[in-house]
Amino acid sequence: MPEAPGLAPETLRLGVSQTLAWASSYYLPATLAEPMARSLGIGVPSVFAAFSGALLVAALVGPAAGRAIDRRGGRQVLMLSNGVFALGLVTLALAQGAASLIVAWALVGTAMGMGLYEAAFASLVRSRGPGARAAITQVTLIAGFASTIGWPLTSWLASEWDWRTAVLVWAALHLLLGLPLNAGLRGPSPPGAPSASEPAVASRATPDAPVARHVAITLALAFAISAFIGTSMAAHLPALLKAAGADTGLAVLAAAMLGPAQVAARLMEAVLQRHGSAITVARVAVALHPLGALALMALGPVAAIPFALLHGAGNGLMTIVMGALPLAVFGSQGYGERQGWLMAPARMAQAVAPWAFAGLMAPWGLNALVVTAVGGLVMLAMFSSMPVPKPTGSESAPQPQRST
């Protein structure tokens, strides 16, 4: 039977657990890097270097975690990620120097490789098959508030107690909230069988080997460019807006628009996805950052908020594209492991982006946006020329009616 309109319990569970996973890992350094550095007697760059190491570890772990989800479903892997998150965060809270900090972030990176979006999307595809696109969008809608919740909560805990207490609270939440949520996920459907919540659809035909390789390389490179742009903006947006002439208040206000813009774009995608393929969404998503960059470089501070809205919307849509486009092209068979390999370059790009873009801003200031704008145009060219097989599966099959 088709799934009832609204959020399914599985989608809600994954959305909340993903909010916790992102808030307690990817968004920690922005608020805790300075107090960590002071407490451990090291420089702030050393903290971010350890975090970059975590992203590299996540890139290495991702394919193996995806392969495990392909075989056994997502429940066990995601539950294990909660345990590793808790262990890594406790180790981080007990860190006494650079060496223990590196070990702690390596553990957190291991958990990130098996517990962030790639694993959640693979779990949905494993349980729902080719019809997982709507659920992927819904999960990103909920988890899009990870920074909105995580940054204030982490800051409050650190100010009321200290950074170690804040980290321990996140560790406890993984055991008390995240673990039970993931434990309640349903088991996977047998390989090749339609799930209980989706109509039976034909599996997408796998592209010919040369075409498949070309598409896979294109996706991996495009996702890496997107990750570089997104991480660069997350790390440097206020400074970039100030370089454009915005005062501190306007820069902070514009930066605060990122989260709402991401969620609004994902909500729009959820409403309109029946009328547009994943590749169409990808083309729209990658065009938005160059448009915003051009406006900011041409108009200065008056375009600060429009730039943040356009970049945020594109970044929000790309999160969905990274999960939905490989599913649309290659189908659900082997999705988890393939997704791990496709996203490995993106994790590496995230690791180097803050330093690389800072190096561009030092001599060029606002004109550093030329590099990211060109990156967006390169992605647009990639997606416009990428050979995509005609839909033979979920995108062309009748879909259950959903309320809008």
Protein backbone atom coordinates (compact mmCIF):
# COMPACT_ATOMS: atom_id res chain seq x y z
CA MET A 1 0.00 0.00 0.00
CA PRO A 2 1.25 3.54 -0.65
CA GLU A 3 2.54 5.38 2.34
CA ALA A 4 0.17 7.79 4.00
CA PRO A 5 0.82 11.48 3.40
CA GLY A 6 3.17 13.14 5.81
CA LEU A 7 6.32 12.01 7.54
CA ALA A 8 6.76 8.29 8.07
CA PRO A 9 8.05 7.21 11.51
CA GLU A 10 11.28 5.98 9.89
CA THR A 11 11.84 9.34 8.20
CA LEU A 12 11.21 11.22 11.43
CA ARG A 13 13.59 8.94 13.35
CA LEU A 14 16.33 9.41 10.78
CA GLY A 15 15.75 13.16 10.57
CA VAL A 16 16.15 13.63 14.33
CA SER A 17 19.12 11.25 14.59
CA GLN A 18 20.81 13.02 11.67
CA THR A 19 20.26 16.38 13.35
CA LEU A 20 22.05 14.99 16.40
CA ALA A 21 24.86 13.45 14.35
CA TRP A 22 25.63 16.65 12.42
CA ALA A 23 25.26 18.97 15.42
CA SER A 24 27.63 16.88 17.54
CA SER A 25 30.37 16.50 14.92
CA TYR A 26 30.52 18.71 11.82
CA TYR A 27 29.23 21.80 13.65
CA LEU A 28 31.29 21.45 16.85
CA PRO A 29 34.56 23.18 15.85
CA ALA A 30 32.87 26.46 14.92
CA THR A 31 31.92 27.06 18.56
CA LEU A 32 34.45 24.98 20.51
CA ALA A 33 37.74 25.34 18.59
CA GLU A 34 38.90 28.36 20.58
CA PRO A 35 38.12 27.04 24.09
CA MET A 36 39.57 23.65 23.11
CA ALA A 37 42.79 25.30 21.95
CA ARG A 38 43.12 27.40 25.12
CA SER A 39 42.48 24.43 27.39
CA LEU A 40 44.90 22.12 25.58
CA GLY A 41 47.62 24.72 25.09
CA ILE A 42 47.64 24.47 21.31
CA GLY A 43 46.70 26.78 18.45
CA VAL A 44 43.23 27.02 16.96
CA PRO A 45 44.59 25.87 13.57
CA SER A 46 45.69 22.64 15.26
CA VAL A 47 42.12 21.96 16.36
CA PHE A 48 40.86 22.48 12.83
CA ALA A 49 43.67 20.30 11.50
CA ALA A 50 42.47 17.48 13.75
CA PHE A 51 38.93 18.06 12.49
CA SER A 52 40.19 17.88 8.90
CA GLY A 53 41.74 14.55 9.83
CA ALA A 54 38.30 13.42 10.99
CA LEU A 55 36.85 14.25 7.58
CA LEU A 56 39.59 12.25 5.87
CA VAL A 57 38.87 9.28 8.15
CA ALA A 58 35.17 9.61 7.28
CA ALA A 59 36.04 9.45 3.58
CA LEU A 60 37.96 6.21 4.15
CA VAL A 61 35.24 4.61 6.28
CA GLY A 62 32.31 5.58 4.01
CA PRO A 63 32.58 2.84 1.34
CA ALA A 64 32.85 0.05 3.92
CA ALA A 65 29.90 1.42 5.89
CA GLY A 66 27.86 1.68 2.69
CA ARG A 67 28.73 -1.89 1.75
CA ALA A 68 27.58 -3.08 5.18
CA ILE A 69 24.28 -1.22 4.76
CA ASP A 70 23.80 -2.79 1.31
CA ARG A 71 24.15 -6.22 2.90
CA ARG A 72 22.34 -5.85 6.22
CA GLY A 73 20.40 -2.61 6.16
CA GLY A 74 21.06 0.61 8.01
CA ARG A 75 19.82 -0.11 11.50
CA GLN A 76 22.91 -1.92 12.82
CA VAL A 77 25.40 0.41 11.16
CA LEU A 78 23.63 3.55 12.40
CA MET A 79 23.31 2.12 15.92
CA LEU A 80 27.03 1.34 15.88
CA SER A 81 27.71 4.90 14.76
CA ASN A 82 25.97 6.21 17.88
CA GLY A 83 28.27 4.10 20.04
CA VAL A 84 31.37 5.28 18.18
CA PHE A 85 30.16 8.90 18.31
CA ALA A 86 29.74 8.58 22.08
CA LEU A 87 33.18 6.98 22.48
CA GLY A 88 34.85 9.62 20.32
CA LEU A 89 33.15 12.50 22.11
CA VAL A 90 34.02 11.13 25.56
CA THR A 91 37.62 10.74 24.37
CA LEU A 92 37.50 14.33 23.11
CA ALA A 93 36.20 15.57 26.47
CA LEU A 94 39.09 13.78 28.21
CA ALA A 95 41.77 15.02 25.79
CA GLN A 96 44.86 16.52 27.44
CA GLY A 97 46.98 17.47 24.44
CA ALA A 98 47.41 17.35 20.70
CA ALA A 99 47.92 13.57 20.51
CA SER A 100 44.75 12.68 22.40
CA LEU A 101 42.87 15.33 20.43
CA ILE A 102 43.87 13.66 17.17
CA VAL A 103 42.80 10.25 18.46
CA ALA A 104 39.45 11.65 19.61
CA TRP A 105 38.71 13.32 16.27
CA ALA A 106 39.75 10.16 14.42
CA LEU A 107 37.08 8.26 16.40
CA VAL A 108 34.52 10.97 15.66
CA GLY A 109 35.53 10.81 11.99
CA THR A 110 34.96 7.05 12.01
CA ALA A 111 31.46 7.66 13.35
CA MET A 112 30.85 10.37 10.73
CA GLY A 113 31.77 7.91 7.99
CA MET A 114 29.10 5.49 9.16
CA GLY A 115 26.50 7.87 10.59
CA LEU A 116 25.97 11.01 8.47
CA TYR A 117 23.81 11.59 5.39
CA GLU A 118 25.44 8.96 3.18
CA ALA A 119 24.57 6.22 5.66
CA ALA A 120 21.07 7.56 6.27
CA PHE A 121 20.35 7.78 2.54
CA ALA A 122 21.73 4.27 1.99
CA SER A 123 19.51 2.99 4.79
CA LEU A 124 16.44 4.53 3.14
CA VAL A 125 17.37 3.13 -0.26
CA ARG A 126 17.99 -0.31 1.27
CA SER A 127 14.55 -0.35 2.92
CA ARG A 128 12.54 1.49 0.22
CA GLY A 129 14.32 0.67 -3.01
CA PRO A 130 14.10 3.01 -6.02
CA GLY A 131 11.32 5.08 -4.42
CA ALA A 132 13.47 6.58 -1.65
CA ARG A 133 13.82 10.09 -3.12
CA ALA A 134 10.90 11.62 -1.22
CA ALA A 135 12.15 10.19 2.07
CA ILE A 136 15.68 11.51 1.39
CA THR A 137 14.23 15.00 0.93
CA GLN A 138 12.20 14.73 4.13
CA VAL A 139 15.24 13.68 6.18
CA THR A 140 17.22 16.68 4.90
CA LEU A 141 14.31 18.96 5.77
CA ILE A 142 14.52 17.93 9.42
CA ALA A 143 18.31 17.71 9.68
CA GLY A 144 18.65 21.07 7.94
CA PHE A 145 18.19 22.59 11.39
CA ALA A 146 21.30 20.89 12.81
CA SER A 147 23.33 24.11 12.88
CA THR A 148 20.33 26.13 14.06
CA ILE A 149 20.00 23.81 17.06
CA GLY A 150 23.59 22.70 17.50
CA TRP A 151 25.46 26.00 17.54
CA PRO A 152 23.28 27.74 20.19
CA LEU A 153 23.05 24.62 22.38
CA THR A 154 26.79 23.96 22.25
CA SER A 155 27.56 27.63 22.95
CA TRP A 156 25.15 27.69 25.90
CA LEU A 157 26.55 24.50 27.43
CA ALA A 158 30.12 25.76 27.03
CA SER A 159 29.31 29.14 28.56
CA GLU A 160 27.32 27.72 31.49
CA TRP A 161 29.89 24.98 32.24
CA ASP A 162 32.81 24.38 29.86
CA TRP A 163 33.56 22.86 26.48
CA ARG A 164 34.24 19.43 27.98
CA THR A 165 30.78 19.33 29.56
CA ALA A 166 29.22 20.39 26.27
CA VAL A 167 30.94 17.51 24.47
CA LEU A 168 29.89 15.02 27.18
CA VAL A 169 26.26 16.13 26.83
CA TRP A 170 26.40 15.38 23.11
CA ALA A 171 27.92 11.98 23.88
CA ALA A 172 25.09 11.22 26.31
CA LEU A 173 22.50 12.29 23.71
CA HIS A 174 23.88 9.74 21.28
CA LEU A 175 23.25 6.98 23.80
CA LEU A 176 19.98 8.25 25.23
CA LEU A 177 18.36 9.64 22.06
CA GLY A 178 20.22 8.67 18.90
CA LEU A 179 20.69 4.99 19.74
CA PRO A 180 17.00 4.32 20.53
CA LEU A 181 15.92 6.24 17.44
CA ASN A 182 18.14 4.20 15.15
CA ALA A 183 17.25 0.97 16.95
CA GLY A 184 13.63 1.55 15.94
CA LEU A 185 14.38 1.65 12.21
CA ARG A 186 12.75 -1.09 10.23
CA GLY A 187 14.76 -3.87 8.67
CA PRO A 188 15.70 -3.89 4.99
CA SER A 189 13.57 -5.30 2.22
CA PRO A 190 15.05 -8.35 0.48
CA PRO A 191 17.37 -7.28 -2.33
CA GLY A 192 15.37 -6.57 -5.47
CA ALA A 193 12.02 -6.73 -3.68
CA PRO A 194 9.67 -3.72 -3.50
CA SER A 195 9.35 -2.26 -0.03
CA ALA A 196 6.13 -2.22 1.89
CA SER A 197 5.75 1.54 1.52
CA GLU A 198 6.44 1.87 -2.20
CA PRO A 199 4.67 0.55 -5.29
CA ALA A 200 6.44 -2.14 -7.26
CA VAL A 201 8.64 -0.45 -9.85
CA ALA A 202 11.10 -1.69 -12.39
CA SER A 203 14.74 -1.43 -11.42
CA ARG A 204 16.71 1.14 -13.37
CA ALA A 205 18.85 -0.38 -16.07
CA THR A 206 22.52 -0.04 -15.24
CA PRO A 207 24.35 2.13 -17.82
CA ASP A 208 26.92 0.49 -20.08
CA ALA A 209 30.29 0.18 -18.34
CA PRO A 210 32.04 3.10 -20.14
CA VAL A 211 29.03 5.36 -19.59
CA ALA A 212 28.77 4.26 -15.97
CA ARG A 213 32.42 5.10 -15.34
CA HIS A 214 32.04 8.49 -16.99
CA VAL A 215 28.93 9.30 -14.96
CA ALA A 216 30.50 8.11 -11.71
CA ILE A 217 33.62 10.23 -12.26
CA THR A 218 31.46 13.23 -13.19
CA LEU A 219 29.37 12.85 -10.04
CA ALA A 220 32.38 12.38 -7.77
CA LEU A 221 34.11 15.49 -9.17
CA ALA A 222 30.95 17.59 -9.07
CA PHE A 223 30.19 16.56 -5.50
CA ALA A 224 33.79 17.40 -4.50
CA ILE A 225 33.51 20.88 -6.06
CA SER A 226 30.17 21.42 -4.32
CA ALA A 227 31.63 20.31 -0.98
CA PHE A 228 34.57 22.68 -1.42
CA ILE A 229 32.26 25.61 -2.14
CA GLY A 230 29.86 24.80 0.69
CA THR A 231 32.59 24.32 3.30
CA SER A 232 34.46 27.43 2.15
CA MET A 233 31.33 29.54 2.56
CA ALA A 234 30.51 27.98 5.92
CA ALA A 235 33.98 28.84 7.21
CA HIS A 236 34.44 32.28 5.65
CA LEU A 237 31.04 33.78 4.83
CA PRO A 238 31.04 36.60 7.45
CA ALA A 239 34.59 37.63 6.48
CA LEU A 240 33.68 37.44 2.79
CA LEU A 241 30.64 39.68 3.29
CA LYS A 242 32.76 42.18 5.22
CA ALA A 243 35.21 42.17 2.34
CA ALA A 244 32.25 43.14 0.14
CA GLY A 245 31.64 46.18 2.37
CA ALA A 246 29.00 44.84 4.76
CA ASP A 247 29.21 45.89 8.39
CA THR A 248 29.31 43.29 11.16
CA GLY A 249 25.57 43.37 11.81
CA LEU A 250 24.67 42.87 8.15
CA ALA A 251 27.28 40.13 7.75
CA VAL A 252 25.90 38.22 10.74
CA LEU A 253 22.31 38.69 9.57
CA ALA A 254 23.10 37.49 6.06
CA ALA A 255 25.04 34.47 7.37
CA ALA A 256 22.05 33.57 9.54
CA MET A 257 19.96 33.30 6.36
CA LEU A 258 21.87 30.20 5.20
CA GLY A 259 19.94 27.71 7.31
CA PRO A 260 16.45 28.98 6.48
CA ALA A 261 17.37 29.23 2.77
CA GLN A 262 18.57 25.63 2.75
CA VAL A 263 15.40 24.36 4.42
CA ALA A 264 13.12 26.50 2.22
CA ALA A 265 14.78 25.15 -0.94
CA ARG A 266 14.45 21.57 0.29
CA LEU A 267 10.79 22.17 1.12
CA MET A 268 10.20 23.51 -2.38
CA GLU A 269 11.95 20.45 -3.82
CA ALA A 270 9.71 18.20 -1.73
CA VAL A 271 6.64 19.92 -3.16
CA LEU A 272 7.80 19.99 -6.79
CA GLN A 273 9.82 16.79 -7.09
CA ARG A 274 7.08 15.02 -9.05
CA HIS A 275 7.53 17.65 -11.78
CA GLY A 276 11.32 17.61 -12.04
CA SER A 277 13.96 14.91 -12.34
CA ALA A 278 16.98 14.74 -10.06
CA ILE A 279 19.26 15.98 -12.85
CA THR A 280 17.05 19.04 -13.34
CA VAL A 281 17.27 19.82 -9.63
CA ALA A 282 21.06 19.40 -9.86
CA ARG A 283 21.31 21.93 -12.68
CA VAL A 284 19.23 24.48 -10.79
CA ALA A 285 21.18 23.91 -7.57
CA VAL A 286 24.64 24.52 -9.04
CA ALA A 287 23.54 27.65 -10.93
CA LEU A 288 22.47 29.52 -7.78
CA HIS A 289 25.90 30.12 -6.20
CA PRO A 290 27.42 31.71 -9.33
CA LEU A 291 24.37 33.99 -9.64
CA GLY A 292 24.75 35.12 -6.04
CA ALA A 293 28.52 35.54 -6.37
CA LEU A 294 28.11 37.71 -9.46
CA ALA A 295 25.56 39.88 -7.65
CA LEU A 296 27.79 40.30 -4.59
CA MET A 297 30.88 41.20 -6.61
CA ALA A 298 28.92 43.64 -8.80
CA LEU A 299 26.65 45.27 -6.19
CA GLY A 300 28.58 45.00 -2.94
CA PRO A 301 26.87 44.96 0.48
CA VAL A 302 23.37 45.54 -0.93
CA ALA A 303 23.57 42.00 -2.31
CA ALA A 304 24.79 40.40 0.94
CA ILE A 305 21.45 38.86 1.89
CA PRO A 306 20.52 37.86 -1.69
CA PHE A 307 23.90 36.13 -2.00
CA ALA A 308 23.37 34.22 1.25
CA LEU A 309 19.87 33.18 0.18
CA LEU A 310 20.97 32.02 -3.28
CA HIS A 311 24.01 30.16 -1.97
CA GLY A 312 22.02 28.62 0.88
CA ALA A 313 19.25 27.46 -1.45
CA GLY A 314 21.73 25.90 -3.86
CA ASN A 315 23.63 24.23 -1.04
CA GLY A 316 20.41 22.86 0.43
CA LEU A 317 19.33 21.40 -2.90
CA MET A 318 22.76 19.84 -3.48
CA THR A 319 22.37 17.79 -0.30
CA ILE A 320 19.33 16.15 -1.89
CA VAL A 321 21.07 15.83 -5.26
CA MET A 322 23.97 13.97 -3.68
CA GLY A 323 21.56 11.33 -2.46
CA ALA A 324 18.92 11.31 -5.21
CA LEU A 325 20.94 11.67 -8.41
CA PRO A 326 23.06 8.50 -7.98
CA LEU A 327 19.84 6.65 -7.15
CA ALA A 328 18.18 8.00 -10.29
CA VAL A 329 21.13 7.08 -12.50
CA PHE A 330 22.33 3.76 -11.10
CA GLY A 331 19.33 2.45 -9.17
CA SER A 332 19.23 1.00 -5.68
CA GLN A 333 21.43 -2.07 -6.13
CA GLY A 334 24.78 -1.49 -4.39
CA TYR A 335 23.75 2.08 -3.54
CA GLY A 336 25.45 2.29 -0.14
CA GLU A 337 28.96 1.27 -1.21
CA ARG A 338 28.74 3.31 -4.41
CA GLN A 339 27.65 6.34 -2.41
CA GLY A 340 30.61 5.91 -0.08
CA TRP A 341 33.03 5.99 -3.01
CA LEU A 342 31.25 8.89 -4.74
CA MET A 343 31.37 11.00 -1.58
CA ALA A 344 34.96 10.21 -0.60
CA PRO A 345 36.42 13.05 -2.75
CA ALA A 346 33.82 15.41 -1.29
CA ARG A 347 34.98 14.63 2.25
CA MET A 348 38.57 15.29 1.19
CA ALA A 349 37.53 18.58 -0.40
CA GLN A 350 35.80 19.55 2.84
CA ALA A 351 39.00 18.86 4.73
CA VAL A 352 41.12 21.26 2.66
CA ALA A 353 38.51 23.92 1.86
CA PRO A 354 38.87 26.24 4.90
CA TRP A 355 42.66 26.61 4.43
CA ALA A 356 42.54 26.75 0.65
CA PHE A 357 39.87 29.43 0.51
CA ALA A 358 41.60 31.43 3.25
CA GLY A 359 44.70 31.35 1.06
CA LEU A 360 42.66 32.72 -1.83
CA MET A 361 41.06 35.46 0.27
CA ALA A 362 44.37 36.72 1.66
CA PRO A 363 45.56 38.26 -1.64
CA TRP A 364 42.25 38.55 -3.49
CA GLY A 365 39.63 39.43 -0.87
CA LEU A 366 36.13 39.38 -2.36
CA ASN A 367 37.52 38.37 -5.75
CA ALA A 368 38.19 34.91 -4.32
CA LEU A 369 34.52 34.31 -5.15
CA VAL A 370 35.57 34.07 -8.79
CA VAL A 371 37.03 30.64 -8.03
CA THR A 372 33.86 29.29 -6.43
CA ALA A 373 31.66 30.88 -9.10
CA VAL A 374 33.71 29.20 -11.81
CA GLY A 375 33.40 25.97 -9.84
CA GLY A 376 29.63 26.31 -9.93
CA LEU A 377 29.67 26.91 -13.68
CA VAL A 378 31.92 23.87 -14.18
CA MET A 379 29.38 21.76 -12.27
CA LEU A 380 26.59 23.17 -14.42
CA ALA A 381 28.50 22.15 -17.54
CA MET A 382 29.10 18.70 -16.07
CA PHE A 383 25.45 18.12 -15.27
CA SER A 384 24.33 19.55 -18.60
CA SER A 385 26.54 17.20 -20.61
CA MET A 386 26.34 14.12 -18.39
CA PRO A 387 24.75 11.15 -20.15
CA VAL A 388 21.80 10.05 -18.04
CA PRO A 389 19.83 6.90 -18.92
CA LYS A 390 16.15 7.40 -19.64
CA PRO A 391 14.02 6.61 -16.57
CA THR A 392 12.96 3.00 -16.39
CA GLY A 393 12.28 2.88 -12.66
CA SER A 394 10.87 5.00 -9.91
CA GLU A 395 11.07 8.33 -11.73
CA SER A 396 8.87 7.12 -14.55
CA ALA A 397 6.56 4.91 -12.51
CA PRO A 398 3.34 6.16 -10.98
CA GLN A 399 4.04 7.59 -7.54
CA PRO A 400 1.78 7.55 -4.49
CA GLN A 401 -0.10 10.77 -4.00
CA ARG A 402 1.42 13.11 -1.42
CA SER A 403 -0.15 16.17 0.10
CA THR A 404 1.53 19.50 -0.60
